[in-house]
Amino acid sequence: MNLRLKPGSPVFGVAILILLLLTAIPASAGDAVITFRKVFKGSMPEFAEIRISQSGKCTYDIRQLNEDADVRPLDVGQALRARIFSLADELGHFRNIDLDIHRRIANLGAKTFRYEKDGESHEVVFNYTTNPAAAQLVEIFEGLSRQQDHLLTLERRLRYDRLGVNEALINLKNDYDNKLLPEPERLLPVLEQIANDTRIVEIARQRARALTSKIRGAK
């Protein structure tokens, strides 16, 4: 059926009303994204980039500089994402801010914070900062990078170097005890896999069980 919208007709009036209502609805805001990048040649790893979106679509790329980019999904809890964006708010979304202390200190790696939303972006690059909010952000992002690196190492050792699992667990325990991992519960699946794998030496399985118990007890 072909409806002709003639001025003054009931159908015309309804169409105009619908159009006015649609134009009155504000467009939904775009998803904000915060990116942390650290480049430190000669370290392990040399390159780390983590992208956190408010919607929860997060990614990481952790590797050596001579390796190809390998962007993968990253699980980050809502509470931690909220903390990251709250700190970015304190820093004005990195707009026109200088975070570096500008003193002659050792090279600690070039760090970049970047904020993107609705086509607008701001970023800041620094070596070391004493700004409290920025220092907390660095701690969170470096913790996420360290945590993901532990996960990748354990998964790799499980597949290719089962004798090396125990050493990897010792390194993980040191970082956990020093509270360097922002969401250690993300490591529980691989720890449980190690604990239940009879191909792994018993001392490593015991260590995995002890770490699992600690992490679950701290939640």
N, C-alpha and C. Protein backbone atom coordinates (compact mmCIF):
# COMPACT_ATOMS: atom_id res chain seq x y z
N MET A 1 0.86 -1.19 0.00
CA MET A 1 0.00 0.00 0.00
C MET A 1 0.89 1.23 0.00
N ASN A 2 0.57 2.21 -0.83
CA ASN A 2 1.38 3.41 -0.97
C ASN A 2 0.70 4.56 -0.22
N LEU A 3 1.35 5.03 0.88
CA LEU A 3 0.79 6.12 1.67
C LEU A 3 1.43 7.43 1.24
N ARG A 4 0.61 8.41 0.88
CA ARG A 4 1.12 9.72 0.50
C ARG A 4 0.96 10.67 1.69
N LEU A 5 2.09 11.27 2.07
CA LEU A 5 2.08 12.17 3.22
C LEU A 5 1.72 13.57 2.77
N LYS A 6 0.42 13.88 2.80
CA LYS A 6 -0.05 15.21 2.42
C LYS A 6 -0.14 16.10 3.64
N PRO A 7 0.36 17.34 3.56
CA PRO A 7 0.22 18.27 4.69
C PRO A 7 -1.24 18.37 5.10
N GLY A 8 -1.44 18.29 6.44
CA GLY A 8 -2.78 18.39 6.98
C GLY A 8 -3.44 17.05 7.20
N SER A 9 -2.89 15.97 6.59
CA SER A 9 -3.48 14.65 6.77
C SER A 9 -3.02 14.06 8.10
N PRO A 10 -3.82 13.15 8.72
CA PRO A 10 -3.43 12.53 9.99
C PRO A 10 -2.10 11.80 9.90
N VAL A 11 -1.87 11.10 8.76
CA VAL A 11 -0.62 10.36 8.60
C VAL A 11 0.58 11.30 8.58
N PHE A 12 0.40 12.44 7.91
CA PHE A 12 1.48 13.44 7.84
C PHE A 12 1.83 13.95 9.25
N GLY A 13 0.79 14.21 10.04
CA GLY A 13 1.01 14.71 11.39
C GLY A 13 1.75 13.71 12.26
N VAL A 14 1.39 12.43 12.15
CA VAL A 14 2.08 11.38 12.93
C VAL A 14 3.53 11.26 12.51
N ALA A 15 3.77 11.34 11.20
CA ALA A 15 5.15 11.23 10.69
C ALA A 15 6.02 12.37 11.22
N ILE A 16 5.46 13.57 11.22
CA ILE A 16 6.22 14.72 11.74
C ILE A 16 6.53 14.54 13.22
N LEU A 17 5.54 14.02 13.98
CA LEU A 17 5.74 13.81 15.41
C LEU A 17 6.85 12.81 15.66
N ILE A 18 6.82 11.70 14.89
CA ILE A 18 7.88 10.68 15.05
C ILE A 18 9.25 11.26 14.73
N LEU A 19 9.33 12.07 13.67
CA LEU A 19 10.60 12.68 13.27
C LEU A 19 11.13 13.59 14.37
N LEU A 20 10.22 14.38 14.97
CA LEU A 20 10.64 15.28 16.04
C LEU A 20 11.14 14.51 17.26
N LEU A 21 10.46 13.40 17.57
CA LEU A 21 10.89 12.59 18.71
C LEU A 21 12.26 11.98 18.48
N LEU A 22 12.49 11.49 17.24
CA LEU A 22 13.78 10.88 16.93
C LEU A 22 14.92 11.88 17.00
N THR A 23 14.68 13.08 16.52
CA THR A 23 15.74 14.09 16.54
C THR A 23 15.99 14.60 17.95
N ALA A 24 15.01 14.42 18.84
CA ALA A 24 15.18 14.88 20.22
C ALA A 24 16.02 13.92 21.04
N ILE A 25 16.16 12.64 20.56
CA ILE A 25 16.94 11.64 21.29
C ILE A 25 18.42 11.87 21.02
N PRO A 26 19.22 12.11 22.06
CA PRO A 26 20.65 12.36 21.83
C PRO A 26 21.36 11.10 21.33
N ALA A 27 22.35 11.31 20.48
CA ALA A 27 23.13 10.18 19.98
C ALA A 27 23.91 9.56 21.12
N SER A 28 24.00 8.25 21.12
CA SER A 28 24.72 7.57 22.19
C SER A 28 26.20 7.91 22.10
N ALA A 29 26.80 8.12 23.26
CA ALA A 29 28.21 8.50 23.30
C ALA A 29 29.07 7.34 22.84
N GLY A 30 30.18 7.64 22.17
CA GLY A 30 31.09 6.60 21.72
C GLY A 30 31.82 5.96 22.88
N ASP A 31 32.38 4.82 22.62
CA ASP A 31 33.10 4.08 23.65
C ASP A 31 34.47 4.72 23.87
N ALA A 32 34.75 5.09 25.11
CA ALA A 32 36.04 5.68 25.43
C ALA A 32 37.08 4.58 25.58
N VAL A 33 38.31 4.87 25.13
CA VAL A 33 39.40 3.89 25.17
C VAL A 33 40.65 4.56 25.74
N ILE A 34 41.28 3.88 26.68
CA ILE A 34 42.56 4.33 27.21
C ILE A 34 43.62 3.31 26.83
N THR A 35 44.71 3.80 26.25
CA THR A 35 45.81 2.94 25.82
C THR A 35 47.06 3.25 26.63
N PHE A 36 47.73 2.22 27.10
CA PHE A 36 49.04 2.36 27.72
C PHE A 36 50.05 1.61 26.86
N ARG A 37 51.12 2.28 26.51
CA ARG A 37 52.19 1.65 25.74
C ARG A 37 53.52 1.88 26.45
N LYS A 38 54.33 0.83 26.51
CA LYS A 38 55.67 0.96 27.07
C LYS A 38 56.66 0.31 26.11
N VAL A 39 57.67 1.07 25.74
CA VAL A 39 58.73 0.56 24.85
C VAL A 39 60.05 0.69 25.59
N PHE A 40 60.70 -0.44 25.81
CA PHE A 40 61.94 -0.46 26.59
C PHE A 40 62.89 -1.49 25.95
N LYS A 41 63.68 -1.01 25.02
CA LYS A 41 64.58 -1.89 24.28
C LYS A 41 65.58 -2.54 25.22
N GLY A 42 65.74 -3.86 25.05
CA GLY A 42 66.69 -4.60 25.88
C GLY A 42 66.06 -5.24 27.09
N SER A 43 64.77 -4.93 27.36
CA SER A 43 64.09 -5.54 28.50
C SER A 43 63.31 -6.76 28.03
N MET A 44 62.62 -7.38 28.94
CA MET A 44 61.82 -8.55 28.61
C MET A 44 60.45 -8.40 29.29
N PRO A 45 59.40 -8.07 28.53
CA PRO A 45 59.39 -7.83 27.09
C PRO A 45 59.80 -6.39 26.76
N GLU A 46 60.10 -6.16 25.49
CA GLU A 46 60.51 -4.83 25.06
C GLU A 46 59.32 -3.93 24.72
N PHE A 47 58.21 -4.56 24.39
CA PHE A 47 57.04 -3.79 23.96
C PHE A 47 55.80 -4.33 24.65
N ALA A 48 55.02 -3.42 25.21
CA ALA A 48 53.73 -3.81 25.81
C ALA A 48 52.72 -2.71 25.51
N GLU A 49 51.57 -3.11 25.00
CA GLU A 49 50.49 -2.15 24.76
C GLU A 49 49.18 -2.77 25.23
N ILE A 50 48.48 -2.05 26.08
CA ILE A 50 47.21 -2.51 26.61
C ILE A 50 46.16 -1.45 26.35
N ARG A 51 45.04 -1.87 25.77
CA ARG A 51 43.92 -0.97 25.47
C ARG A 51 42.72 -1.37 26.33
N ILE A 52 42.20 -0.39 27.05
CA ILE A 52 41.06 -0.61 27.95
C ILE A 52 39.90 0.24 27.48
N SER A 53 38.77 -0.38 27.17
CA SER A 53 37.58 0.37 26.79
C SER A 53 36.56 0.31 27.92
N GLN A 54 35.75 1.35 28.03
CA GLN A 54 34.73 1.38 29.07
C GLN A 54 33.73 0.25 28.89
N SER A 55 33.51 -0.18 27.66
CA SER A 55 32.54 -1.25 27.40
C SER A 55 33.07 -2.62 27.79
N GLY A 56 34.38 -2.71 28.05
CA GLY A 56 34.97 -3.98 28.45
C GLY A 56 35.72 -4.71 27.36
N LYS A 57 35.77 -4.13 26.15
CA LYS A 57 36.53 -4.75 25.05
C LYS A 57 37.99 -4.33 25.16
N CYS A 58 38.78 -5.17 25.79
CA CYS A 58 40.17 -4.82 26.06
C CYS A 58 41.11 -5.75 25.29
N THR A 59 42.30 -5.24 24.98
CA THR A 59 43.28 -6.03 24.24
C THR A 59 44.67 -5.81 24.82
N TYR A 60 45.58 -6.73 24.47
CA TYR A 60 46.99 -6.56 24.84
C TYR A 60 47.86 -7.01 23.68
N ASP A 61 49.06 -6.46 23.64
CA ASP A 61 50.09 -6.86 22.67
C ASP A 61 51.42 -6.78 23.41
N ILE A 62 51.95 -7.93 23.82
CA ILE A 62 53.17 -8.00 24.61
C ILE A 62 54.19 -8.84 23.85
N ARG A 63 55.37 -8.27 23.57
CA ARG A 63 56.32 -8.99 22.71
C ARG A 63 57.67 -8.28 22.70
N GLN A 64 58.61 -8.86 21.96
CA GLN A 64 59.87 -8.20 21.67
C GLN A 64 59.68 -7.32 20.44
N LEU A 65 60.51 -6.31 20.30
CA LEU A 65 60.34 -5.34 19.22
C LEU A 65 60.52 -5.96 17.83
N ASN A 66 61.32 -7.02 17.74
CA ASN A 66 61.54 -7.64 16.43
C ASN A 66 60.46 -8.65 16.07
N GLU A 67 59.47 -8.82 16.92
CA GLU A 67 58.37 -9.74 16.64
C GLU A 67 57.19 -8.98 16.04
N ASP A 68 56.39 -9.70 15.29
CA ASP A 68 55.20 -9.08 14.69
C ASP A 68 54.16 -8.77 15.75
N ALA A 69 53.36 -7.74 15.46
CA ALA A 69 52.27 -7.39 16.38
C ALA A 69 51.35 -8.59 16.56
N ASP A 70 50.88 -8.78 17.79
CA ASP A 70 50.02 -9.92 18.11
C ASP A 70 48.97 -9.46 19.12
N VAL A 71 47.97 -8.75 18.63
CA VAL A 71 46.93 -8.18 19.50
C VAL A 71 45.92 -9.26 19.86
N ARG A 72 45.68 -9.43 21.17
CA ARG A 72 44.75 -10.46 21.64
C ARG A 72 43.78 -9.87 22.66
N PRO A 73 42.63 -10.53 22.84
CA PRO A 73 41.67 -10.05 23.84
C PRO A 73 42.23 -10.17 25.25
N LEU A 74 41.80 -9.27 26.11
CA LEU A 74 42.24 -9.26 27.51
C LEU A 74 41.03 -9.07 28.41
N ASP A 75 40.91 -9.92 29.41
CA ASP A 75 39.82 -9.79 30.38
C ASP A 75 40.24 -8.87 31.52
N VAL A 76 39.48 -7.80 31.70
CA VAL A 76 39.73 -6.85 32.79
C VAL A 76 38.40 -6.59 33.47
N GLY A 77 38.36 -6.75 34.77
CA GLY A 77 37.12 -6.59 35.52
C GLY A 77 36.58 -5.17 35.50
N GLN A 78 35.28 -5.05 35.72
CA GLN A 78 34.62 -3.74 35.67
C GLN A 78 35.18 -2.79 36.72
N ALA A 79 35.45 -3.28 37.92
CA ALA A 79 35.95 -2.41 38.98
C ALA A 79 37.31 -1.82 38.62
N LEU A 80 38.18 -2.64 38.05
CA LEU A 80 39.50 -2.14 37.67
C LEU A 80 39.39 -1.18 36.50
N ARG A 81 38.51 -1.47 35.53
CA ARG A 81 38.31 -0.54 34.42
C ARG A 81 37.81 0.81 34.94
N ALA A 82 36.89 0.77 35.89
CA ALA A 82 36.36 2.02 36.47
C ALA A 82 37.48 2.81 37.15
N ARG A 83 38.38 2.11 37.84
CA ARG A 83 39.50 2.78 38.51
C ARG A 83 40.42 3.44 37.48
N ILE A 84 40.68 2.75 36.39
CA ILE A 84 41.54 3.29 35.34
C ILE A 84 40.94 4.57 34.76
N PHE A 85 39.65 4.56 34.46
CA PHE A 85 39.03 5.74 33.87
C PHE A 85 38.88 6.86 34.89
N SER A 86 38.72 6.52 36.16
CA SER A 86 38.67 7.55 37.20
C SER A 86 40.01 8.28 37.30
N LEU A 87 41.10 7.54 37.26
CA LEU A 87 42.43 8.16 37.31
C LEU A 87 42.68 9.01 36.06
N ALA A 88 42.22 8.52 34.91
CA ALA A 88 42.37 9.29 33.67
C ALA A 88 41.56 10.59 33.76
N ASP A 89 40.39 10.54 34.39
CA ASP A 89 39.60 11.76 34.60
C ASP A 89 40.39 12.77 35.44
N GLU A 90 41.05 12.28 36.49
CA GLU A 90 41.86 13.18 37.34
C GLU A 90 42.95 13.86 36.54
N LEU A 91 43.44 13.17 35.51
CA LEU A 91 44.53 13.70 34.69
C LEU A 91 44.03 14.44 33.47
N GLY A 92 42.73 14.77 33.46
CA GLY A 92 42.17 15.54 32.36
C GLY A 92 42.24 14.83 31.03
N HIS A 93 42.18 13.50 31.07
CA HIS A 93 42.25 12.69 29.84
C HIS A 93 43.54 12.96 29.06
N PHE A 94 44.61 13.36 29.81
CA PHE A 94 45.96 13.56 29.25
C PHE A 94 46.02 14.74 28.29
N ARG A 95 45.08 15.66 28.42
CA ARG A 95 45.07 16.85 27.57
C ARG A 95 46.01 17.90 28.14
N ASN A 96 46.99 18.31 27.32
CA ASN A 96 47.91 19.39 27.68
C ASN A 96 48.54 19.18 29.06
N ILE A 97 49.06 17.99 29.30
CA ILE A 97 49.68 17.68 30.59
C ILE A 97 51.10 17.18 30.37
N ASP A 98 51.99 17.57 31.25
CA ASP A 98 53.38 17.14 31.21
C ASP A 98 53.63 16.30 32.46
N LEU A 99 53.88 15.01 32.27
CA LEU A 99 54.04 14.11 33.41
C LEU A 99 55.48 13.81 33.76
N ASP A 100 56.42 14.08 32.86
CA ASP A 100 57.81 13.70 33.10
C ASP A 100 58.45 14.64 34.11
N ILE A 101 59.35 14.10 34.94
CA ILE A 101 60.00 14.94 35.95
C ILE A 101 61.14 15.76 35.35
N HIS A 102 61.58 15.43 34.14
CA HIS A 102 62.63 16.19 33.43
C HIS A 102 63.91 16.29 34.26
N ARG A 103 64.31 15.18 34.81
CA ARG A 103 65.58 15.10 35.51
C ARG A 103 66.42 14.01 34.85
N ARG A 104 67.72 14.08 35.07
CA ARG A 104 68.61 13.10 34.46
C ARG A 104 68.59 11.83 35.30
N ILE A 105 67.74 10.89 34.91
CA ILE A 105 67.65 9.61 35.58
C ILE A 105 67.80 8.50 34.54
N ALA A 106 67.88 7.28 35.02
CA ALA A 106 68.03 6.14 34.11
C ALA A 106 66.82 6.03 33.19
N ASN A 107 67.05 5.48 32.01
CA ASN A 107 65.96 5.22 31.08
C ASN A 107 65.12 4.07 31.62
N LEU A 108 63.86 4.34 31.92
CA LEU A 108 62.95 3.33 32.47
C LEU A 108 61.92 2.88 31.44
N GLY A 109 62.14 3.28 30.20
CA GLY A 109 61.20 2.91 29.14
C GLY A 109 60.27 4.06 28.82
N ALA A 110 60.05 4.28 27.53
CA ALA A 110 59.13 5.33 27.09
C ALA A 110 57.70 4.86 27.29
N LYS A 111 56.95 5.60 28.11
CA LYS A 111 55.57 5.23 28.42
C LYS A 111 54.62 6.24 27.79
N THR A 112 53.52 5.75 27.28
CA THR A 112 52.53 6.60 26.64
C THR A 112 51.15 6.29 27.20
N PHE A 113 50.43 7.35 27.59
CA PHE A 113 49.01 7.26 27.90
C PHE A 113 48.25 7.94 26.77
N ARG A 114 47.19 7.30 26.30
CA ARG A 114 46.37 7.88 25.23
C ARG A 114 44.89 7.70 25.56
N TYR A 115 44.12 8.76 25.38
CA TYR A 115 42.68 8.73 25.62
C TYR A 115 41.97 9.02 24.30
N GLU A 116 40.99 8.19 23.93
CA GLU A 116 40.24 8.37 22.69
C GLU A 116 38.75 8.25 22.96
N LYS A 117 38.01 9.19 22.38
CA LYS A 117 36.54 9.11 22.46
C LYS A 117 35.94 10.04 21.42
N ASP A 118 34.96 9.51 20.66
CA ASP A 118 34.23 10.30 19.67
C ASP A 118 35.16 11.05 18.71
N GLY A 119 36.22 10.40 18.27
CA GLY A 119 37.12 11.01 17.31
C GLY A 119 38.13 11.97 17.92
N GLU A 120 38.04 12.20 19.22
CA GLU A 120 38.98 13.09 19.90
C GLU A 120 40.02 12.24 20.63
N SER A 121 41.28 12.66 20.61
CA SER A 121 42.32 11.90 21.29
C SER A 121 43.36 12.83 21.90
N HIS A 122 43.91 12.39 23.02
CA HIS A 122 44.98 13.12 23.69
C HIS A 122 45.98 12.09 24.21
N GLU A 123 47.27 12.43 24.16
CA GLU A 123 48.26 11.50 24.67
C GLU A 123 49.43 12.25 25.29
N VAL A 124 50.13 11.55 26.15
CA VAL A 124 51.31 12.10 26.81
C VAL A 124 52.36 10.99 26.88
N VAL A 125 53.62 11.38 26.66
CA VAL A 125 54.74 10.44 26.69
C VAL A 125 55.70 10.87 27.79
N PHE A 126 56.22 9.90 28.54
CA PHE A 126 57.13 10.24 29.65
C PHE A 126 58.00 9.04 29.99
N ASN A 127 59.08 9.29 30.70
CA ASN A 127 59.98 8.25 31.18
C ASN A 127 59.63 7.87 32.61
N TYR A 128 59.50 8.89 33.47
CA TYR A 128 59.19 8.66 34.88
C TYR A 128 58.39 9.84 35.40
N THR A 129 57.40 9.55 36.25
CA THR A 129 56.56 10.63 36.77
C THR A 129 56.39 10.50 38.28
N THR A 130 56.20 11.65 38.93
CA THR A 130 55.89 11.66 40.36
C THR A 130 54.44 12.08 40.59
N ASN A 131 53.70 12.31 39.51
CA ASN A 131 52.28 12.63 39.65
C ASN A 131 51.55 11.43 40.25
N PRO A 132 50.87 11.59 41.38
CA PRO A 132 50.27 10.44 42.07
C PRO A 132 49.27 9.65 41.22
N ALA A 133 48.38 10.34 40.53
CA ALA A 133 47.38 9.64 39.71
C ALA A 133 48.05 8.91 38.55
N ALA A 134 49.01 9.56 37.90
CA ALA A 134 49.72 8.92 36.79
C ALA A 134 50.54 7.73 37.27
N ALA A 135 51.17 7.87 38.44
CA ALA A 135 51.96 6.77 39.00
C ALA A 135 51.07 5.56 39.29
N GLN A 136 49.86 5.81 39.79
CA GLN A 136 48.92 4.71 40.03
C GLN A 136 48.51 4.04 38.73
N LEU A 137 48.29 4.85 37.69
CA LEU A 137 47.94 4.27 36.39
C LEU A 137 49.07 3.41 35.84
N VAL A 138 50.29 3.89 35.95
CA VAL A 138 51.45 3.11 35.50
C VAL A 138 51.50 1.79 36.26
N GLU A 139 51.30 1.85 37.56
CA GLU A 139 51.34 0.64 38.39
C GLU A 139 50.29 -0.37 37.94
N ILE A 140 49.07 0.12 37.66
CA ILE A 140 48.00 -0.78 37.22
C ILE A 140 48.34 -1.40 35.87
N PHE A 141 48.74 -0.57 34.91
CA PHE A 141 49.01 -1.09 33.57
C PHE A 141 50.24 -2.00 33.55
N GLU A 142 51.28 -1.64 34.26
CA GLU A 142 52.45 -2.51 34.30
C GLU A 142 52.11 -3.81 35.02
N GLY A 143 51.21 -3.72 36.02
CA GLY A 143 50.75 -4.93 36.70
C GLY A 143 49.97 -5.83 35.76
N LEU A 144 49.10 -5.23 34.94
CA LEU A 144 48.35 -6.02 33.96
C LEU A 144 49.30 -6.68 32.95
N SER A 145 50.30 -5.93 32.52
CA SER A 145 51.28 -6.48 31.58
C SER A 145 52.05 -7.63 32.22
N ARG A 146 52.47 -7.43 33.45
CA ARG A 146 53.22 -8.47 34.17
C ARG A 146 52.34 -9.71 34.39
N GLN A 147 51.10 -9.47 34.75
CA GLN A 147 50.16 -10.56 35.00
C GLN A 147 49.91 -11.38 33.73
N GLN A 148 49.72 -10.68 32.62
CA GLN A 148 49.49 -11.38 31.35
C GLN A 148 50.74 -12.12 30.90
N ASP A 149 51.90 -11.54 31.16
CA ASP A 149 53.15 -12.20 30.81
C ASP A 149 53.32 -13.49 31.60
N HIS A 150 52.95 -13.48 32.89
CA HIS A 150 52.98 -14.70 33.69
C HIS A 150 52.06 -15.77 33.09
N LEU A 151 50.86 -15.34 32.69
CA LEU A 151 49.91 -16.28 32.11
C LEU A 151 50.47 -16.92 30.83
N LEU A 152 51.01 -16.08 29.95
CA LEU A 152 51.57 -16.59 28.70
C LEU A 152 52.75 -17.52 28.96
N THR A 153 53.59 -17.18 29.93
CA THR A 153 54.75 -18.02 30.26
C THR A 153 54.31 -19.38 30.78
N LEU A 154 53.33 -19.39 31.69
CA LEU A 154 52.86 -20.66 32.24
C LEU A 154 52.23 -21.53 31.15
N GLU A 155 51.44 -20.91 30.29
CA GLU A 155 50.80 -21.68 29.21
C GLU A 155 51.85 -22.25 28.27
N ARG A 156 52.89 -21.44 27.97
CA ARG A 156 53.95 -21.89 27.07
C ARG A 156 54.77 -23.03 27.70
N ARG A 157 55.08 -22.89 28.99
CA ARG A 157 55.85 -23.93 29.67
C ARG A 157 55.05 -25.24 29.76
N LEU A 158 53.75 -25.12 29.98
CA LEU A 158 52.91 -26.31 30.04
C LEU A 158 52.96 -27.10 28.74
N ARG A 159 53.06 -26.40 27.64
CA ARG A 159 53.04 -27.06 26.33
C ARG A 159 54.42 -27.55 25.90
N TYR A 160 55.45 -26.74 26.19
CA TYR A 160 56.75 -27.03 25.59
C TYR A 160 57.89 -27.28 26.58
N ASP A 161 57.68 -26.95 27.86
CA ASP A 161 58.79 -27.06 28.82
C ASP A 161 58.22 -27.31 30.22
N ARG A 162 57.69 -28.52 30.43
CA ARG A 162 57.02 -28.80 31.70
C ARG A 162 57.98 -28.72 32.89
N LEU A 163 59.27 -28.99 32.65
CA LEU A 163 60.23 -28.89 33.75
C LEU A 163 60.45 -27.43 34.17
N GLY A 164 60.13 -26.51 33.26
CA GLY A 164 60.30 -25.09 33.59
C GLY A 164 59.10 -24.47 34.28
N VAL A 165 58.05 -25.24 34.50
CA VAL A 165 56.85 -24.70 35.13
C VAL A 165 57.13 -24.24 36.56
N ASN A 166 57.94 -25.01 37.29
CA ASN A 166 58.20 -24.67 38.69
C ASN A 166 58.89 -23.31 38.81
N GLU A 167 59.88 -23.07 37.94
CA GLU A 167 60.57 -21.76 37.97
C GLU A 167 59.60 -20.63 37.67
N ALA A 168 58.71 -20.85 36.70
CA ALA A 168 57.72 -19.82 36.37
C ALA A 168 56.79 -19.56 37.54
N LEU A 169 56.44 -20.60 38.29
CA LEU A 169 55.57 -20.43 39.46
C LEU A 169 56.28 -19.67 40.58
N ILE A 170 57.58 -19.89 40.72
CA ILE A 170 58.34 -19.14 41.74
C ILE A 170 58.31 -17.65 41.42
N ASN A 171 58.54 -17.31 40.13
CA ASN A 171 58.49 -15.90 39.73
C ASN A 171 57.10 -15.31 39.93
N LEU A 172 56.07 -16.08 39.63
CA LEU A 172 54.71 -15.62 39.83
C LEU A 172 54.42 -15.39 41.31
N LYS A 173 54.85 -16.31 42.16
CA LYS A 173 54.61 -16.15 43.60
C LYS A 173 55.29 -14.89 44.14
N ASN A 174 56.50 -14.60 43.67
CA ASN A 174 57.20 -13.39 44.12
C ASN A 174 56.39 -12.14 43.78
N ASP A 175 55.87 -12.07 42.56
CA ASP A 175 55.08 -10.91 42.17
C ASP A 175 53.76 -10.85 42.92
N TYR A 176 53.16 -12.01 43.15
CA TYR A 176 51.90 -12.03 43.92
C TYR A 176 52.14 -11.56 45.35
N ASP A 177 53.18 -12.06 45.97
CA ASP A 177 53.48 -11.68 47.36
C ASP A 177 53.80 -10.19 47.47
N ASN A 178 54.37 -9.62 46.43
CA ASN A 178 54.69 -8.18 46.42
C ASN A 178 53.53 -7.33 45.93
N LYS A 179 52.36 -7.96 45.73
CA LYS A 179 51.12 -7.26 45.34
C LYS A 179 51.29 -6.47 44.04
N LEU A 180 51.95 -7.10 43.07
CA LEU A 180 52.20 -6.45 41.78
C LEU A 180 51.16 -6.83 40.72
N LEU A 181 50.27 -7.74 41.06
CA LEU A 181 49.30 -8.23 40.08
C LEU A 181 47.91 -7.69 40.43
N PRO A 182 47.30 -6.90 39.55
CA PRO A 182 46.02 -6.25 39.88
C PRO A 182 44.83 -7.20 39.95
N GLU A 183 44.84 -8.27 39.17
CA GLU A 183 43.74 -9.23 39.18
C GLU A 183 44.28 -10.66 39.11
N PRO A 184 44.94 -11.12 40.17
CA PRO A 184 45.58 -12.45 40.13
C PRO A 184 44.59 -13.60 39.93
N GLU A 185 43.30 -13.36 40.21
CA GLU A 185 42.31 -14.42 40.00
C GLU A 185 42.21 -14.84 38.53
N ARG A 186 42.69 -13.98 37.63
CA ARG A 186 42.70 -14.35 36.20
C ARG A 186 43.64 -15.53 35.93
N LEU A 187 44.55 -15.81 36.85
CA LEU A 187 45.51 -16.89 36.67
C LEU A 187 45.02 -18.22 37.25
N LEU A 188 43.88 -18.21 37.91
CA LEU A 188 43.40 -19.43 38.56
C LEU A 188 43.20 -20.61 37.60
N PRO A 189 42.63 -20.41 36.41
CA PRO A 189 42.45 -21.57 35.52
C PRO A 189 43.75 -22.29 35.17
N VAL A 190 44.81 -21.53 34.86
CA VAL A 190 46.07 -22.18 34.50
C VAL A 190 46.72 -22.80 35.73
N LEU A 191 46.56 -22.18 36.89
CA LEU A 191 47.12 -22.77 38.12
C LEU A 191 46.42 -24.08 38.46
N GLU A 192 45.11 -24.12 38.28
CA GLU A 192 44.38 -25.36 38.54
C GLU A 192 44.76 -26.44 37.53
N GLN A 193 45.02 -26.02 36.30
CA GLN A 193 45.44 -26.98 35.29
C GLN A 193 46.78 -27.60 35.68
N ILE A 194 47.71 -26.78 36.17
CA ILE A 194 49.01 -27.28 36.60
C ILE A 194 48.85 -28.22 37.80
N ALA A 195 48.03 -27.81 38.75
CA ALA A 195 47.84 -28.61 39.97
C ALA A 195 47.29 -30.00 39.66
N ASN A 196 46.51 -30.13 38.59
CA ASN A 196 45.86 -31.40 38.26
C ASN A 196 46.58 -32.18 37.17
N ASP A 197 47.71 -31.68 36.69
CA ASP A 197 48.43 -32.32 35.59
C ASP A 197 49.50 -33.26 36.16
N THR A 198 49.29 -34.55 36.04
CA THR A 198 50.22 -35.52 36.61
C THR A 198 51.56 -35.57 35.87
N ARG A 199 51.65 -34.92 34.72
CA ARG A 199 52.92 -34.89 33.99
C ARG A 199 53.88 -33.85 34.57
N ILE A 200 53.36 -32.97 35.43
CA ILE A 200 54.16 -31.92 36.05
C ILE A 200 54.77 -32.46 37.34
N VAL A 201 56.02 -32.05 37.63
CA VAL A 201 56.67 -32.52 38.86
C VAL A 201 55.85 -32.12 40.07
N GLU A 202 55.87 -32.93 41.10
CA GLU A 202 54.98 -32.73 42.26
C GLU A 202 55.24 -31.41 42.97
N ILE A 203 56.49 -30.99 43.07
CA ILE A 203 56.76 -29.73 43.76
C ILE A 203 56.08 -28.55 43.08
N ALA A 204 56.02 -28.59 41.74
CA ALA A 204 55.33 -27.52 41.00
C ALA A 204 53.83 -27.61 41.22
N ARG A 205 53.29 -28.83 41.24
CA ARG A 205 51.86 -28.99 41.48
C ARG A 205 51.48 -28.49 42.88
N GLN A 206 52.33 -28.78 43.86
CA GLN A 206 52.08 -28.28 45.22
C GLN A 206 52.13 -26.75 45.25
N ARG A 207 53.10 -26.19 44.54
CA ARG A 207 53.22 -24.73 44.50
C ARG A 207 51.99 -24.10 43.84
N ALA A 208 51.51 -24.73 42.78
CA ALA A 208 50.31 -24.22 42.11
C ALA A 208 49.10 -24.30 43.03
N ARG A 209 48.97 -25.40 43.79
CA ARG A 209 47.85 -25.53 44.72
C ARG A 209 47.93 -24.47 45.82
N ALA A 210 49.13 -24.22 46.31
CA ALA A 210 49.30 -23.22 47.37
C ALA A 210 48.95 -21.82 46.87
N LEU A 211 49.38 -21.51 45.65
CA LEU A 211 49.05 -20.20 45.07
C LEU A 211 47.55 -20.07 44.83
N THR A 212 46.93 -21.14 44.34
CA THR A 212 45.49 -21.12 44.11
C THR A 212 44.75 -20.84 45.41
N SER A 213 45.18 -21.51 46.49
CA SER A 213 44.55 -21.32 47.79
C SER A 213 44.72 -19.88 48.28
N LYS A 214 45.91 -19.32 48.10
CA LYS A 214 46.18 -17.93 48.52
C LYS A 214 45.29 -16.94 47.77
N ILE A 215 45.21 -17.12 46.46
CA ILE A 215 44.43 -16.18 45.63
C ILE A 215 42.96 -16.29 45.98
N ARG A 216 42.46 -17.51 46.13
CA ARG A 216 41.04 -17.66 46.47
C ARG A 216 40.76 -17.11 47.88
N GLY A 217 41.69 -17.29 48.79
CA GLY A 217 41.49 -16.80 50.14
C GLY A 217 41.52 -15.30 50.25
N ALA A 218 42.19 -14.64 49.29
CA ALA A 218 42.30 -13.17 49.33
C ALA A 218 41.11 -12.48 48.71
N LYS A 219 40.28 -13.21 47.97
CA LYS A 219 39.15 -12.60 47.25
C LYS A 219 38.05 -12.19 48.23
